[in-house]
Amino acid sequence: MATGESDWYEHRLLRGTDPPVNLHVFPPGCAEAEQVLLFRDWLRANKSDRDLYAWTKRELATRDWKYVQDYADAKSAVVREIPARVREAKSPG
């Protein structure tokens, strides 16, 4: 099933059940896609943030959510906190 948010970087979300997958698709050259890849690369290289993100997702996964967006909103503090560290690490000085 495909859903999308055309007003948010022309984002599309493709969902499958076998195997279960959520695939986020952005157009070529999209600034948001670049941020997502920076986030991914940071998590691969930084154990403490990787562990924080994994713990947060696992903790939230134990709860029942009426809407998937409620789950996404619940992890937003961590999703903002980690990129702030990425920007700080990449800033000159």
PDB file of N, CA and C in Angstrom:
ATOM      1  N   MET A   1       0.846  -1.170   0.000  1.00  0.00           N
ATOM      2  CA  MET A   1       0.000   0.000   0.000  1.00  0.00           C
ATOM      3  C   MET A   1       0.895   1.238   0.000  1.00  0.00           C
ATOM      4  N   ALA A   2       0.542   2.221  -0.762  1.00  0.00           N
ATOM      5  CA  ALA A   2       1.296   3.467  -0.822  1.00  0.00           C
ATOM      6  C   ALA A   2       0.468   4.595  -0.233  1.00  0.00           C
ATOM      7  N   THR A   3       1.126   5.392   0.594  1.00  0.00           N
ATOM      8  CA  THR A   3       0.513   6.607   1.117  1.00  0.00           C
ATOM      9  C   THR A   3       1.524   7.716   0.913  1.00  0.00           C
ATOM     10  N   GLY A   4       1.113   8.939   1.125  1.00  0.00           N
ATOM     11  CA  GLY A   4       2.063  10.006   0.917  1.00  0.00           C
ATOM     12  C   GLY A   4       1.658  11.303   1.557  1.00  0.00           C
ATOM     13  N   GLU A   5       2.639  12.164   1.621  1.00  0.00           N
ATOM     14  CA  GLU A   5       2.452  13.523   2.117  1.00  0.00           C
ATOM     15  C   GLU A   5       3.034  14.444   1.057  1.00  0.00           C
ATOM     16  N   SER A   6       2.253  14.735   0.038  1.00  0.00           N
ATOM     17  CA  SER A   6       2.776  15.502  -1.087  1.00  0.00           C
ATOM     18  C   SER A   6       3.231  16.894  -0.681  1.00  0.00           C
ATOM     19  N   ASP A   7       2.732  17.396   0.444  1.00  0.00           N
ATOM     20  CA  ASP A   7       3.152  18.722   0.893  1.00  0.00           C
ATOM     21  C   ASP A   7       4.434  18.663   1.731  1.00  0.00           C
ATOM     22  N   TRP A   8       4.972  17.468   1.968  1.00  0.00           N
ATOM     23  CA  TRP A   8       6.207  17.321   2.745  1.00  0.00           C
ATOM     24  C   TRP A   8       7.241  16.636   1.867  1.00  0.00           C
ATOM     25  N   TYR A   9       7.966  17.426   1.087  1.00  0.00           N
ATOM     26  CA  TYR A   9       9.046  16.940   0.222  1.00  0.00           C
ATOM     27  C   TYR A   9       8.595  15.859  -0.760  1.00  0.00           C
ATOM     28  N   GLU A  10       7.327  15.849  -1.120  1.00  0.00           N
ATOM     29  CA  GLU A  10       6.784  14.826  -2.018  1.00  0.00           C
ATOM     30  C   GLU A  10       7.030  13.415  -1.475  1.00  0.00           C
ATOM     31  N   HIS A  11       7.014  13.291  -0.165  1.00  0.00           N
ATOM     32  CA  HIS A  11       7.274  12.025   0.527  1.00  0.00           C
ATOM     33  C   HIS A  11       6.216  10.981   0.190  1.00  0.00           C
ATOM     34  N   ARG A  12       6.664   9.757   0.011  1.00  0.00           N
ATOM     35  CA  ARG A  12       5.773   8.615  -0.177  1.00  0.00           C
ATOM     36  C   ARG A  12       6.195   7.524   0.794  1.00  0.00           C
ATOM     37  N   LEU A  13       5.227   6.795   1.298  1.00  0.00           N
ATOM     38  CA  LEU A  13       5.480   5.680   2.200  1.00  0.00           C
ATOM     39  C   LEU A  13       4.863   4.435   1.587  1.00  0.00           C
ATOM     40  N   LEU A  14       5.702   3.447   1.348  1.00  0.00           N
ATOM     41  CA  LEU A  14       5.241   2.174   0.804  1.00  0.00           C
ATOM     42  C   LEU A  14       5.277   1.153   1.930  1.00  0.00           C
ATOM     43  N   ARG A  15       4.182   0.440   2.099  1.00  0.00           N
ATOM     44  CA  ARG A  15       4.085  -0.547   3.177  1.00  0.00           C
ATOM     45  C   ARG A  15       3.843  -1.924   2.585  1.00  0.00           C
ATOM     46  N   GLY A  16       4.513  -2.890   3.186  1.00  0.00           N
ATOM     47  CA  GLY A  16       4.320  -4.275   2.785  1.00  0.00           C
ATOM     48  C   GLY A  16       4.157  -5.149   4.012  1.00  0.00           C
ATOM     49  N   THR A  17       3.643  -6.347   3.801  1.00  0.00           N
ATOM     50  CA  THR A  17       3.399  -7.237   4.935  1.00  0.00           C
ATOM     51  C   THR A  17       4.247  -8.502   4.915  1.00  0.00           C
ATOM     52  N   ASP A  18       4.810  -8.885   3.793  1.00  0.00           N
ATOM     53  CA  ASP A  18       5.585 -10.116   3.736  1.00  0.00           C
ATOM     54  C   ASP A  18       6.835  -9.919   2.897  1.00  0.00           C
ATOM     55  N   PRO A  19       7.898  -9.461   3.504  1.00  0.00           N
ATOM     56  CA  PRO A  19       8.091  -9.196   4.930  1.00  0.00           C
ATOM     57  C   PRO A  19       7.496  -7.845   5.315  1.00  0.00           C
ATOM     58  N   PRO A  20       7.285  -7.621   6.624  1.00  0.00           N
ATOM     59  CA  PRO A  20       6.768  -6.318   7.060  1.00  0.00           C
ATOM     60  C   PRO A  20       7.800  -5.227   6.783  1.00  0.00           C
ATOM     61  N   VAL A  21       7.373  -4.185   6.095  1.00  0.00           N
ATOM     62  CA  VAL A  21       8.312  -3.118   5.735  1.00  0.00           C
ATOM     63  C   VAL A  21       7.571  -1.791   5.608  1.00  0.00           C
ATOM     64  N   ASN A  22       8.249  -0.732   6.016  1.00  0.00           N
ATOM     65  CA  ASN A  22       7.838   0.647   5.750  1.00  0.00           C
ATOM     66  C   ASN A  22       8.981   1.272   4.970  1.00  0.00           C
ATOM     67  N   LEU A  23       8.752   1.608   3.719  1.00  0.00           N
ATOM     68  CA  LEU A  23       9.784   2.172   2.862  1.00  0.00           C
ATOM     69  C   LEU A  23       9.435   3.626   2.563  1.00  0.00           C
ATOM     70  N   HIS A  24      10.278   4.540   3.027  1.00  0.00           N
ATOM     71  CA  HIS A  24      10.075   5.968   2.803  1.00  0.00           C
ATOM     72  C   HIS A  24      10.793   6.360   1.518  1.00  0.00           C
ATOM     73  N   VAL A  25      10.091   7.043   0.631  1.00  0.00           N
ATOM     74  CA  VAL A  25      10.636   7.412  -0.670  1.00  0.00           C
ATOM     75  C   VAL A  25      10.548   8.923  -0.831  1.00  0.00           C
ATOM     76  N   PHE A  26      11.680   9.518  -1.239  1.00  0.00           N
ATOM     77  CA  PHE A  26      11.759  10.953  -1.498  1.00  0.00           C
ATOM     78  C   PHE A  26      12.277  11.156  -2.917  1.00  0.00           C
ATOM     79  N   PRO A  27      11.987  12.297  -3.528  1.00  0.00           N
ATOM     80  CA  PRO A  27      12.501  12.556  -4.872  1.00  0.00           C
ATOM     81  C   PRO A  27      14.018  12.772  -4.849  1.00  0.00           C
ATOM     82  N   PRO A  28      14.684  12.580  -5.980  1.00  0.00           N
ATOM     83  CA  PRO A  28      16.137  12.790  -6.047  1.00  0.00           C
ATOM     84  C   PRO A  28      16.519  14.201  -5.605  1.00  0.00           C
ATOM     85  N   GLY A  29      17.621  14.295  -4.864  1.00  0.00           N
ATOM     86  CA  GLY A  29      18.133  15.585  -4.425  1.00  0.00           C
ATOM     87  C   GLY A  29      17.369  16.223  -3.287  1.00  0.00           C
ATOM     88  N   CYS A  30      16.454  15.508  -2.691  1.00  0.00           N
ATOM     89  CA  CYS A  30      15.627  16.050  -1.609  1.00  0.00           C
ATOM     90  C   CYS A  30      16.468  16.297  -0.355  1.00  0.00           C
ATOM     91  N   ALA A  31      16.377  17.497   0.196  1.00  0.00           N
ATOM     92  CA  ALA A  31      17.144  17.852   1.393  1.00  0.00           C
ATOM     93  C   ALA A  31      16.765  16.976   2.581  1.00  0.00           C
ATOM     94  N   GLU A  32      15.506  16.630   2.716  1.00  0.00           N
ATOM     95  CA  GLU A  32      15.082  15.784   3.834  1.00  0.00           C
ATOM     96  C   GLU A  32      15.690  14.393   3.726  1.00  0.00           C
ATOM     97  N   ALA A  33      15.780  13.860   2.522  1.00  0.00           N
ATOM     98  CA  ALA A  33      16.408  12.549   2.334  1.00  0.00           C
ATOM     99  C   ALA A  33      17.868  12.595   2.758  1.00  0.00           C
ATOM    100  N   GLU A  34      18.542  13.683   2.453  1.00  0.00           N
ATOM    101  CA  GLU A  34      19.939  13.836   2.878  1.00  0.00           C
ATOM    102  C   GLU A  34      20.044  13.841   4.395  1.00  0.00           C
ATOM    103  N   GLN A  35      19.100  14.482   5.079  1.00  0.00           N
ATOM    104  CA  GLN A  35      19.105  14.501   6.545  1.00  0.00           C
ATOM    105  C   GLN A  35      18.867  13.101   7.115  1.00  0.00           C
ATOM    106  N   VAL A  36      17.984  12.354   6.491  1.00  0.00           N
ATOM    107  CA  VAL A  36      17.709  10.984   6.932  1.00  0.00           C
ATOM    108  C   VAL A  36      18.972  10.130   6.804  1.00  0.00           C
ATOM    109  N   LEU A  37      19.697  10.303   5.716  1.00  0.00           N
ATOM    110  CA  LEU A  37      20.933   9.535   5.525  1.00  0.00           C
ATOM    111  C   LEU A  37      22.012   9.954   6.519  1.00  0.00           C
ATOM    112  N   LEU A  38      22.107  11.236   6.838  1.00  0.00           N
ATOM    113  CA  LEU A  38      23.051  11.686   7.872  1.00  0.00           C
ATOM    114  C   LEU A  38      22.705  11.065   9.219  1.00  0.00           C
ATOM    115  N   PHE A  39      21.427  11.027   9.540  1.00  0.00           N
ATOM    116  CA  PHE A  39      20.952  10.413  10.783  1.00  0.00           C
ATOM    117  C   PHE A  39      21.359   8.940  10.819  1.00  0.00           C
ATOM    118  N   ARG A  40      21.102   8.238   9.727  1.00  0.00           N
ATOM    119  CA  ARG A  40      21.474   6.819   9.636  1.00  0.00           C
ATOM    120  C   ARG A  40      22.975   6.618   9.819  1.00  0.00           C
ATOM    121  N   ASP A  41      23.759   7.406   9.119  1.00  0.00           N
ATOM    122  CA  ASP A  41      25.212   7.266   9.202  1.00  0.00           C
ATOM    123  C   ASP A  41      25.724   7.578  10.599  1.00  0.00           C
ATOM    124  N   TRP A  42      25.130   8.574  11.251  1.00  0.00           N
ATOM    125  CA  TRP A  42      25.517   8.923  12.615  1.00  0.00           C
ATOM    126  C   TRP A  42      25.238   7.753  13.561  1.00  0.00           C
ATOM    127  N   LEU A  43      24.067   7.159  13.425  1.00  0.00           N
ATOM    128  CA  LEU A  43      23.729   6.027  14.289  1.00  0.00           C
ATOM    129  C   LEU A  43      24.681   4.857  14.063  1.00  0.00           C
ATOM    130  N   ARG A  44      25.078   4.644  12.839  1.00  0.00           N
ATOM    131  CA  ARG A  44      26.022   3.555  12.554  1.00  0.00           C
ATOM    132  C   ARG A  44      27.370   3.790  13.225  1.00  0.00           C
ATOM    133  N   ALA A  45      27.760   5.052  13.354  1.00  0.00           N
ATOM    134  CA  ALA A  45      29.091   5.392  13.869  1.00  0.00           C
ATOM    135  C   ALA A  45      29.117   5.728  15.355  1.00  0.00           C
ATOM    136  N   ASN A  46      27.969   5.945  15.982  1.00  0.00           N
ATOM    137  CA  ASN A  46      27.922   6.411  17.369  1.00  0.00           C
ATOM    138  C   ASN A  46      27.065   5.483  18.220  1.00  0.00           C
ATOM    139  N   LYS A  47      27.761   4.614  18.956  1.00  0.00           N
ATOM    140  CA  LYS A  47      27.083   3.586  19.739  1.00  0.00           C
ATOM    141  C   LYS A  47      26.105   4.163  20.758  1.00  0.00           C
ATOM    142  N   SER A  48      26.480   5.216  21.455  1.00  0.00           N
ATOM    143  CA  SER A  48      25.597   5.738  22.504  1.00  0.00           C
ATOM    144  C   SER A  48      24.277   6.246  21.919  1.00  0.00           C
ATOM    145  N   ASP A  49      24.328   6.966  20.811  1.00  0.00           N
ATOM    146  CA  ASP A  49      23.086   7.434  20.188  1.00  0.00           C
ATOM    147  C   ASP A  49      22.326   6.287  19.535  1.00  0.00           C
ATOM    148  N   ARG A  50      23.047   5.328  18.974  1.00  0.00           N
ATOM    149  CA  ARG A  50      22.387   4.152  18.399  1.00  0.00           C
ATOM    150  C   ARG A  50      21.621   3.402  19.487  1.00  0.00           C
ATOM    151  N   ASP A  51      22.270   3.231  20.653  1.00  0.00           N
ATOM    152  CA  ASP A  51      21.615   2.543  21.767  1.00  0.00           C
ATOM    153  C   ASP A  51      20.414   3.332  22.287  1.00  0.00           C
ATOM    154  N   LEU A  52      20.553   4.656  22.379  1.00  0.00           N
ATOM    155  CA  LEU A  52      19.443   5.498  22.822  1.00  0.00           C
ATOM    156  C   LEU A  52      18.254   5.373  21.873  1.00  0.00           C
ATOM    157  N   TYR A  53      18.525   5.447  20.591  1.00  0.00           N
ATOM    158  CA  TYR A  53      17.459   5.356  19.594  1.00  0.00           C
ATOM    159  C   TYR A  53      16.797   3.975  19.633  1.00  0.00           C
ATOM    160  N   ALA A  54      17.609   2.931  19.714  1.00  0.00           N
ATOM    161  CA  ALA A  54      17.068   1.569  19.769  1.00  0.00           C
ATOM    162  C   ALA A  54      16.237   1.367  21.033  1.00  0.00           C
ATOM    163  N   TRP A  55      16.749   1.837  22.170  1.00  0.00           N
ATOM    164  CA  TRP A  55      16.005   1.695  23.426  1.00  0.00           C
ATOM    165  C   TRP A  55      14.667   2.424  23.345  1.00  0.00           C
ATOM    166  N   THR A  56      14.689   3.635  22.805  1.00  0.00           N
ATOM    167  CA  THR A  56      13.465   4.432  22.678  1.00  0.00           C
ATOM    168  C   THR A  56      12.440   3.706  21.814  1.00  0.00           C
ATOM    169  N   LYS A  57      12.872   3.218  20.661  1.00  0.00           N
ATOM    170  CA  LYS A  57      11.952   2.514  19.765  1.00  0.00           C
ATOM    171  C   LYS A  57      11.410   1.240  20.411  1.00  0.00           C
ATOM    172  N   ARG A  58      12.272   0.507  21.097  1.00  0.00           N
ATOM    173  CA  ARG A  58      11.811  -0.731  21.747  1.00  0.00           C
ATOM    174  C   ARG A  58      10.812  -0.435  22.865  1.00  0.00           C
ATOM    175  N   GLU A  59      11.117   0.578  23.651  1.00  0.00           N
ATOM    176  CA  GLU A  59      10.207   0.962  24.742  1.00  0.00           C
ATOM    177  C   GLU A  59       8.848   1.373  24.180  1.00  0.00           C
ATOM    178  N   LEU A  60       8.858   2.195  23.157  1.00  0.00           N
ATOM    179  CA  LEU A  60       7.599   2.661  22.573  1.00  0.00           C
ATOM    180  C   LEU A  60       6.843   1.531  21.877  1.00  0.00           C
ATOM    181  N   ALA A  61       7.571   0.553  21.363  1.00  0.00           N
ATOM    182  CA  ALA A  61       6.929  -0.573  20.679  1.00  0.00           C
ATOM    183  C   ALA A  61       6.140  -1.461  21.638  1.00  0.00           C
ATOM    184  N   THR A  62       6.410  -1.357  22.936  1.00  0.00           N
ATOM    185  CA  THR A  62       5.677  -2.168  23.916  1.00  0.00           C
ATOM    186  C   THR A  62       4.291  -1.598  24.204  1.00  0.00           C
ATOM    187  N   ARG A  63       4.042  -0.388  23.753  1.00  0.00           N
ATOM    188  CA  ARG A  63       2.763   0.281  24.017  1.00  0.00           C
ATOM    189  C   ARG A  63       1.783   0.069  22.865  1.00  0.00           C
ATOM    190  N   ASP A  64       0.526   0.239  23.186  1.00  0.00           N
ATOM    191  CA  ASP A  64      -0.509   0.184  22.150  1.00  0.00           C
ATOM    192  C   ASP A  64      -0.778   1.602  21.656  1.00  0.00           C
ATOM    193  N   TRP A  65      -0.777   1.771  20.352  1.00  0.00           N
ATOM    194  CA  TRP A  65      -0.985   3.082  19.739  1.00  0.00           C
ATOM    195  C   TRP A  65      -2.228   3.030  18.867  1.00  0.00           C
ATOM    196  N   LYS A  66      -3.088   4.002  19.051  1.00  0.00           N
ATOM    197  CA  LYS A  66      -4.274   4.080  18.195  1.00  0.00           C
ATOM    198  C   LYS A  66      -3.861   4.416  16.764  1.00  0.00           C
ATOM    199  N   TYR A  67      -2.905   5.330  16.647  1.00  0.00           N
ATOM    200  CA  TYR A  67      -2.418   5.755  15.337  1.00  0.00           C
ATOM    201  C   TYR A  67      -0.898   5.636  15.293  1.00  0.00           C
ATOM    202  N   VAL A  68      -0.368   5.249  14.158  1.00  0.00           N
ATOM    203  CA  VAL A  68       1.082   5.156  13.981  1.00  0.00           C
ATOM    204  C   VAL A  68       1.732   6.510  14.245  1.00  0.00           C
ATOM    205  N   GLN A  69       1.051   7.583  13.879  1.00  0.00           N
ATOM    206  CA  GLN A  69       1.610   8.919  14.093  1.00  0.00           C
ATOM    207  C   GLN A  69       1.826   9.207  15.574  1.00  0.00           C
ATOM    208  N   ASP A  70       1.015   8.637  16.446  1.00  0.00           N
ATOM    209  CA  ASP A  70       1.217   8.820  17.886  1.00  0.00           C
ATOM    210  C   ASP A  70       2.556   8.232  18.316  1.00  0.00           C
ATOM    211  N   TYR A  71       2.897   7.075  17.767  1.00  0.00           N
ATOM    212  CA  TYR A  71       4.208   6.463  18.027  1.00  0.00           C
ATOM    213  C   TYR A  71       5.324   7.375  17.511  1.00  0.00           C
ATOM    214  N   ALA A  72       5.173   7.864  16.296  1.00  0.00           N
ATOM    215  CA  ALA A  72       6.184   8.749  15.711  1.00  0.00           C
ATOM    216  C   ALA A  72       6.350  10.011  16.551  1.00  0.00           C
ATOM    217  N   ASP A  73       5.246  10.576  17.007  1.00  0.00           N
ATOM    218  CA  ASP A  73       5.311  11.771  17.847  1.00  0.00           C
ATOM    219  C   ASP A  73       6.007  11.480  19.172  1.00  0.00           C
ATOM    220  N   ALA A  74       5.781  10.295  19.721  1.00  0.00           N
ATOM    221  CA  ALA A  74       6.372   9.945  21.017  1.00  0.00           C
ATOM    222  C   ALA A  74       7.887   9.835  20.947  1.00  0.00           C
ATOM    223  N   LYS A  75       8.430   9.492  19.791  1.00  0.00           N
ATOM    224  CA  LYS A  75       9.887   9.389  19.680  1.00  0.00           C
ATOM    225  C   LYS A  75      10.521  10.678  19.145  1.00  0.00           C
ATOM    226  N   SER A  76       9.728  11.706  18.945  1.00  0.00           N
ATOM    227  CA  SER A  76      10.235  12.925  18.308  1.00  0.00           C
ATOM    228  C   SER A  76      11.303  13.644  19.123  1.00  0.00           C
ATOM    229  N   ALA A  77      11.249  13.582  20.447  1.00  0.00           N
ATOM    230  CA  ALA A  77      12.279  14.254  21.250  1.00  0.00           C
ATOM    231  C   ALA A  77      13.654  13.672  20.942  1.00  0.00           C
ATOM    232  N   VAL A  78      13.745  12.361  20.879  1.00  0.00           N
ATOM    233  CA  VAL A  78      15.024  11.709  20.569  1.00  0.00           C
ATOM    234  C   VAL A  78      15.415  11.974  19.122  1.00  0.00           C
ATOM    235  N   VAL A  79      14.435  11.984  18.237  1.00  0.00           N
ATOM    236  CA  VAL A  79      14.711  12.220  16.821  1.00  0.00           C
ATOM    237  C   VAL A  79      15.191  13.656  16.582  1.00  0.00           C
ATOM    238  N   ARG A  80      14.854  14.583  17.457  1.00  0.00           N
ATOM    239  CA  ARG A  80      15.390  15.958  17.372  1.00  0.00           C
ATOM    240  C   ARG A  80      16.738  16.066  18.077  1.00  0.00           C
ATOM    241  N   GLU A  81      16.884  15.368  19.187  1.00  0.00           N
ATOM    242  CA  GLU A  81      18.098  15.440  20.005  1.00  0.00           C
ATOM    243  C   GLU A  81      19.325  14.916  19.250  1.00  0.00           C
ATOM    244  N   ILE A  82      19.191  13.791  18.587  1.00  0.00           N
ATOM    245  CA  ILE A  82      20.335  13.185  17.905  1.00  0.00           C
ATOM    246  C   ILE A  82      20.827  14.058  16.751  1.00  0.00           C
ATOM    247  N   PRO A  83      19.982  14.541  15.850  1.00  0.00           N
ATOM    248  CA  PRO A  83      20.487  15.420  14.790  1.00  0.00           C
ATOM    249  C   PRO A  83      21.131  16.701  15.321  1.00  0.00           C
ATOM    250  N   ALA A  84      20.694  17.171  16.480  1.00  0.00           N
ATOM    251  CA  ALA A  84      21.350  18.344  17.072  1.00  0.00           C
ATOM    252  C   ALA A  84      22.810  18.021  17.372  1.00  0.00           C
ATOM    253  N   ARG A  85      23.086  16.803  17.843  1.00  0.00           N
ATOM    254  CA  ARG A  85      24.475  16.399  18.090  1.00  0.00           C
ATOM    255  C   ARG A  85      25.243  16.238  16.781  1.00  0.00           C
ATOM    256  N   VAL A  86      24.566  15.762  15.749  1.00  0.00           N
ATOM    257  CA  VAL A  86      25.209  15.640  14.439  1.00  0.00           C
ATOM    258  C   VAL A  86      25.635  17.022  13.956  1.00  0.00           C
ATOM    259  N   ARG A  87      24.728  17.990  14.037  1.00  0.00           N
ATOM    260  CA  ARG A  87      25.051  19.356  13.591  1.00  0.00           C
ATOM    261  C   ARG A  87      26.189  19.939  14.412  1.00  0.00           C
ATOM    262  N   GLU A  88      26.159  19.716  15.718  1.00  0.00           N
ATOM    263  CA  GLU A  88      27.216  20.227  16.593  1.00  0.00           C
ATOM    264  C   GLU A  88      28.564  19.609  16.225  1.00  0.00           C
ATOM    265  N   ALA A  89      28.589  18.322  15.971  1.00  0.00           N
ATOM    266  CA  ALA A  89      29.838  17.636  15.630  1.00  0.00           C
ATOM    267  C   ALA A  89      30.379  18.096  14.283  1.00  0.00           C
ATOM    268  N   LYS A  90      29.499  18.463  13.375  1.00  0.00           N
ATOM    269  CA  LYS A  90      29.921  18.867  12.036  1.00  0.00           C
ATOM    270  C   LYS A  90      30.189  20.363  11.903  1.00  0.00           C
ATOM    271  N   SER A  91      29.813  21.138  12.924  1.00  0.00           N
ATOM    272  CA  SER A  91      30.013  22.585  12.818  1.00  0.00           C
ATOM    273  C   SER A  91      31.479  22.931  13.076  1.00  0.00           C
ATOM    274  N   PRO A  92      32.006  23.879  12.310  1.00  0.00           N
ATOM    275  CA  PRO A  92      33.406  24.278  12.495  1.00  0.00           C
ATOM    276  C   PRO A  92      33.602  24.973  13.841  1.00  0.00           C
ATOM    277  N   GLY A  93      34.757  24.737  14.400  1.00  0.00           N
ATOM    278  CA  GLY A  93      35.107  25.420  15.651  1.00  0.00           C
ATOM    279  C   GLY A  93      34.857  24.562  16.784  1.00  0.00           C
TER     280      GLY A  93
END
